N, C-alpha and C. Protein backbone atom coordinates (compact mmCIF):
# COMPACT_ATOMS: atom_id res chain seq x y z
N MET A 1 118.42 107.67 102.52
CA MET A 1 118.23 108.45 103.42
C MET A 1 116.59 108.17 104.65
N ASP A 2 116.75 106.66 104.90
CA ASP A 2 115.49 106.36 105.69
C ASP A 2 115.14 107.11 107.20
N ILE A 3 113.73 107.42 106.63
CA ILE A 3 112.97 108.10 107.71
C ILE A 3 112.09 107.24 108.75
N GLU A 4 112.15 107.56 109.77
CA GLU A 4 111.55 106.56 110.87
C GLU A 4 110.68 107.29 111.99
N PHE A 5 109.47 106.59 111.86
CA PHE A 5 109.12 107.35 113.66
C PHE A 5 108.66 106.71 114.78
N ASN A 6 108.66 107.06 115.77
CA ASN A 6 108.71 106.82 116.68
C ASN A 6 106.96 106.20 117.25
N SER A 7 106.12 107.08 116.44
CA SER A 7 104.93 106.47 116.86
C SER A 7 104.07 106.78 115.96
N LEU A 8 102.69 106.14 115.79
CA LEU A 8 101.92 106.70 114.96
C LEU A 8 101.20 108.14 114.95
N GLU A 9 101.54 108.50 115.95
CA GLU A 9 101.16 110.15 115.74
C GLU A 9 102.42 110.56 114.73
N GLU A 10 103.60 110.47 114.59
CA GLU A 10 104.49 111.28 114.60
C GLU A 10 104.31 111.51 113.09
N LEU A 11 104.07 109.47 112.61
CA LEU A 11 103.95 109.76 111.10
C LEU A 11 102.11 110.48 110.79
N TYR A 12 101.43 110.26 111.28
CA TYR A 12 100.29 110.76 110.98
C TYR A 12 100.83 112.93 110.78
N ASN A 13 101.39 112.97 111.83
CA ASN A 13 101.55 114.73 111.21
C ASN A 13 102.18 114.64 109.69
N ARG A 14 103.20 113.27 109.48
CA ARG A 14 104.31 113.99 108.75
C ARG A 14 103.34 113.56 107.34
N LEU A 15 102.31 113.17 107.40
CA LEU A 15 101.65 112.63 106.21
C LEU A 15 100.47 113.74 105.94
N LYS A 16 99.66 114.62 107.46
CA LYS A 16 98.34 115.34 107.60
C LYS A 16 98.84 116.16 105.80
N PRO A 17 99.74 116.58 105.50
CA PRO A 17 99.32 117.74 104.12
C PRO A 17 98.78 116.60 102.74
N ALA A 18 99.47 115.43 102.96
CA ALA A 18 98.73 114.53 102.17
C ALA A 18 96.95 114.51 102.33
N LEU A 19 96.76 114.14 103.56
CA LEU A 19 95.93 113.99 103.66
C LEU A 19 94.43 114.76 103.60
N ASN A 20 95.19 115.87 103.84
CA ASN A 20 94.55 117.25 103.86
C ASN A 20 94.11 117.53 102.36
N THR A 21 94.86 116.87 101.40
CA THR A 21 94.62 117.25 99.88
C THR A 21 93.74 116.27 99.67
N LYS A 22 93.93 114.98 100.21
CA LYS A 22 93.08 114.00 98.80
C LYS A 22 91.58 114.45 100.15
N GLN A 23 91.27 114.97 100.92
CA GLN A 23 90.22 115.40 101.30
C GLN A 23 89.51 116.38 100.87
N ARG A 24 90.01 117.17 100.59
CA ARG A 24 89.85 118.25 100.18
C ARG A 24 89.57 118.18 98.71
N GLU A 25 89.81 117.28 97.96
CA GLU A 25 89.54 116.65 96.47
C GLU A 25 88.11 115.58 96.55
N MET A 26 88.34 114.99 97.89
CA MET A 26 87.25 114.50 98.10
C MET A 26 85.73 115.07 98.16
N VAL A 27 86.00 116.45 99.13
CA VAL A 27 84.58 117.36 98.89
C VAL A 27 84.87 118.18 98.04
N ARG A 28 85.86 118.08 96.91
CA ARG A 28 85.01 118.36 95.57
C ARG A 28 84.12 117.66 94.88
N CYS A 29 84.47 115.88 95.06
CA CYS A 29 84.01 115.12 94.40
C CYS A 29 82.22 114.65 94.99
N GLY A 30 82.25 115.23 95.97
CA GLY A 30 80.62 115.29 96.98
C GLY A 30 81.02 113.95 98.24
N TYR A 31 82.13 114.00 98.54
CA TYR A 31 81.95 113.22 99.68
C TYR A 31 82.12 114.64 100.77
N ASN A 32 81.26 115.13 101.03
CA ASN A 32 81.92 116.13 101.94
C ASN A 32 81.72 115.84 103.58
N TYR A 33 81.25 114.84 103.82
CA TYR A 33 81.03 114.09 104.54
C TYR A 33 82.40 112.97 105.70
N ILE A 34 83.04 113.04 104.45
CA ILE A 34 84.61 112.25 104.61
C ILE A 34 85.53 113.23 105.48
N LYS A 35 85.80 112.25 106.36
CA LYS A 35 87.40 113.97 107.38
C LYS A 35 88.22 113.17 107.07
N ILE A 36 89.82 113.58 107.58
CA ILE A 36 90.58 113.26 107.32
C ILE A 36 91.21 112.02 108.07
N GLU A 37 90.88 111.97 109.44
CA GLU A 37 90.77 110.57 110.12
C GLU A 37 90.17 109.42 109.59
N ASP A 38 89.25 109.62 108.86
CA ASP A 38 88.59 108.78 108.14
C ASP A 38 88.93 107.76 107.13
N ILE A 39 90.20 108.83 106.61
CA ILE A 39 91.25 108.33 105.34
C ILE A 39 92.12 107.90 105.72
N TRP A 40 92.49 107.83 106.78
CA TRP A 40 94.13 107.82 107.83
C TRP A 40 93.59 106.52 108.70
N ASN A 41 92.28 105.99 109.17
CA ASN A 41 91.67 104.63 109.51
C ASN A 41 91.69 104.06 108.32
N TYR A 42 91.08 104.41 107.11
CA TYR A 42 91.09 103.24 106.22
C TYR A 42 92.43 102.78 106.06
N LEU A 43 93.12 104.20 105.75
CA LEU A 43 94.81 103.32 104.94
C LEU A 43 95.11 102.55 106.16
N LYS A 44 95.00 102.57 107.37
CA LYS A 44 96.11 102.47 107.93
C LYS A 44 94.77 100.96 108.37
N GLU A 45 94.39 100.62 108.88
CA GLU A 45 93.17 99.62 109.50
C GLU A 45 92.95 98.76 107.84
N ILE A 46 93.03 99.36 106.38
CA ILE A 46 92.91 98.46 105.67
C ILE A 46 94.10 97.85 104.81
N LYS A 47 94.64 99.29 104.22
CA LYS A 47 95.75 99.41 103.23
C LYS A 47 97.12 98.95 103.31
N TRP A 48 97.02 99.57 104.89
CA TRP A 48 98.52 99.30 105.35
C TRP A 48 98.71 98.02 106.08
N LYS A 49 97.78 97.75 106.49
CA LYS A 49 97.24 96.39 107.54
C LYS A 49 98.74 95.79 107.86
N LYS A 50 98.87 95.05 106.68
CA LYS A 50 99.98 93.93 106.78
C LYS A 50 101.21 94.62 105.66
N ALA A 51 101.56 95.51 105.64
CA ALA A 51 102.36 96.32 104.98
C ALA A 51 103.56 96.54 106.17
N ASN A 52 105.04 96.31 104.96
CA ASN A 52 106.09 96.50 106.17
C ASN A 52 106.84 97.74 105.45
N ASN A 53 107.88 97.89 106.33
CA ASN A 53 108.81 99.40 106.01
C ASN A 53 108.51 99.71 104.31
N LEU A 54 107.53 99.91 104.86
CA LEU A 54 106.66 101.33 103.54
C LEU A 54 107.39 102.71 103.83
N SER A 55 108.09 102.95 102.47
CA SER A 55 109.26 104.46 102.45
C SER A 55 107.72 105.26 102.32
N LEU A 56 108.29 106.74 103.38
CA LEU A 56 107.34 107.79 103.31
C LEU A 56 106.36 108.50 101.88
N TYR A 57 107.69 107.88 100.46
CA TYR A 57 106.53 108.60 99.85
C TYR A 57 105.65 107.53 98.83
N GLU A 58 106.09 106.04 99.38
CA GLU A 58 104.77 105.66 98.81
C GLU A 58 103.57 105.59 100.17
N MET A 59 103.93 106.01 101.13
CA MET A 59 102.58 106.43 101.66
C MET A 59 101.77 107.27 101.48
N VAL A 60 102.11 108.66 101.07
CA VAL A 60 102.05 109.52 100.06
C VAL A 60 101.30 109.24 99.06
N SER A 61 101.79 108.41 98.09
CA SER A 61 101.37 108.10 96.98
C SER A 61 99.85 107.14 97.45
N ASP A 62 99.93 106.58 98.21
CA ASP A 62 97.93 105.73 98.75
C ASP A 62 97.45 106.51 99.17
N VAL A 63 97.96 107.98 99.89
CA VAL A 63 97.30 108.80 100.21
C VAL A 63 96.36 109.27 99.29
N LEU A 64 97.25 109.94 98.39
CA LEU A 64 96.85 110.86 97.20
C LEU A 64 96.06 109.91 96.23
N ASN A 65 96.27 108.44 96.05
CA ASN A 65 95.52 107.96 95.04
C ASN A 65 94.34 106.42 95.15
N VAL A 66 94.29 106.97 96.68
CA VAL A 66 93.46 105.61 97.71
C VAL A 66 92.08 105.76 96.59
N ASP A 67 91.41 105.20 96.46
CA ASP A 67 89.97 105.14 95.74
C ASP A 67 88.95 105.53 96.88
N ASP A 68 88.54 107.13 96.33
CA ASP A 68 87.11 107.39 96.73
C ASP A 68 86.63 106.64 97.48
N ILE A 69 85.74 105.77 96.98
CA ILE A 69 84.65 104.65 96.80
C ILE A 69 84.81 103.75 98.36
N ALA A 70 86.30 103.41 98.20
CA ALA A 70 86.54 102.65 98.97
C ALA A 70 86.68 103.25 100.11
N ILE A 71 87.10 104.28 100.63
CA ILE A 71 87.16 105.05 101.63
C ILE A 71 85.83 105.17 102.22
N ASP A 72 84.65 105.70 101.31
CA ASP A 72 83.31 105.57 101.49
C ASP A 72 83.03 104.63 102.23
N GLY A 73 82.97 103.36 101.43
CA GLY A 73 82.49 101.98 101.54
C GLY A 73 82.79 101.70 102.87
N TYR A 74 84.01 101.55 103.57
CA TYR A 74 84.59 101.14 104.56
C TYR A 74 84.48 102.51 105.76
N LEU A 75 84.00 103.35 105.76
CA LEU A 75 83.49 104.56 106.36
C LEU A 75 81.64 104.08 106.56
N LYS A 76 80.88 104.01 105.41
CA LYS A 76 79.97 103.55 105.85
C LYS A 76 79.53 102.15 106.83
N GLN A 77 80.61 101.28 106.48
CA GLN A 77 80.58 99.76 106.96
C GLN A 77 80.20 100.08 108.33
N LYS A 78 81.45 100.98 108.66
CA LYS A 78 81.88 101.41 110.02
C LYS A 78 80.67 101.98 111.05
N LEU A 79 79.99 102.79 109.98
CA LEU A 79 79.04 103.66 111.17
C LEU A 79 77.72 102.74 111.08
N ASN A 80 77.56 101.78 110.25
CA ASN A 80 76.39 100.33 110.45
C ASN A 80 77.04 99.68 111.41
N LEU A 81 78.17 99.30 111.41
CA LEU A 81 78.45 98.77 112.38
C LEU A 81 78.37 99.20 113.98
N LYS A 82 78.62 100.15 114.41
CA LYS A 82 78.01 101.32 115.58
C LYS A 82 76.88 101.27 115.42
N THR A 83 76.07 101.71 114.44
CA THR A 83 74.67 101.77 114.54
C THR A 83 74.06 100.85 115.43
N ARG A 84 73.99 99.27 114.75
CA ARG A 84 74.04 97.44 115.25
C ARG A 84 74.01 97.71 117.01
N GLU A 85 75.74 98.29 117.15
CA GLU A 85 76.02 98.21 118.42
C GLU A 85 75.66 98.65 119.42
N VAL A 86 75.10 100.25 118.98
CA VAL A 86 74.32 100.90 119.95
C VAL A 86 72.17 100.56 119.60
N TYR A 87 72.53 99.80 118.81
CA TYR A 87 70.81 99.08 118.96
C TYR A 87 70.59 98.03 119.67
N PHE A 88 71.35 97.12 119.41
CA PHE A 88 71.52 95.94 120.01
C PHE A 88 71.66 96.05 122.23
N LYS A 89 72.57 97.36 122.21
CA LYS A 89 72.76 97.71 123.44
C LYS A 89 71.16 98.26 123.98
N GLU A 90 70.51 98.61 123.76
CA GLU A 90 69.78 99.31 124.66
C GLU A 90 68.38 98.60 124.63
N GLU A 91 68.13 97.07 123.91
CA GLU A 91 67.43 96.68 124.21
C GLU A 91 67.67 95.77 125.71
């Protein structure tokens, strides 16, 4: 039985228990500034960007097994870009 989602919000809500689990694991490893949305955005924008027809179990597996350092690097790069934008807009 294939499960289909009509929106990203639907998919996000279905994956939320796995995202919560991953976020709690990351907090235990010292990444207490990482939010559920950061994990979601990393997977959506990096890991799954070119993927097609992923099954729900593959996505849950990706959530639970994604590299903490990769998410941390992604978030720091994104924050650095935002900081630069603010800095250069003010000049």
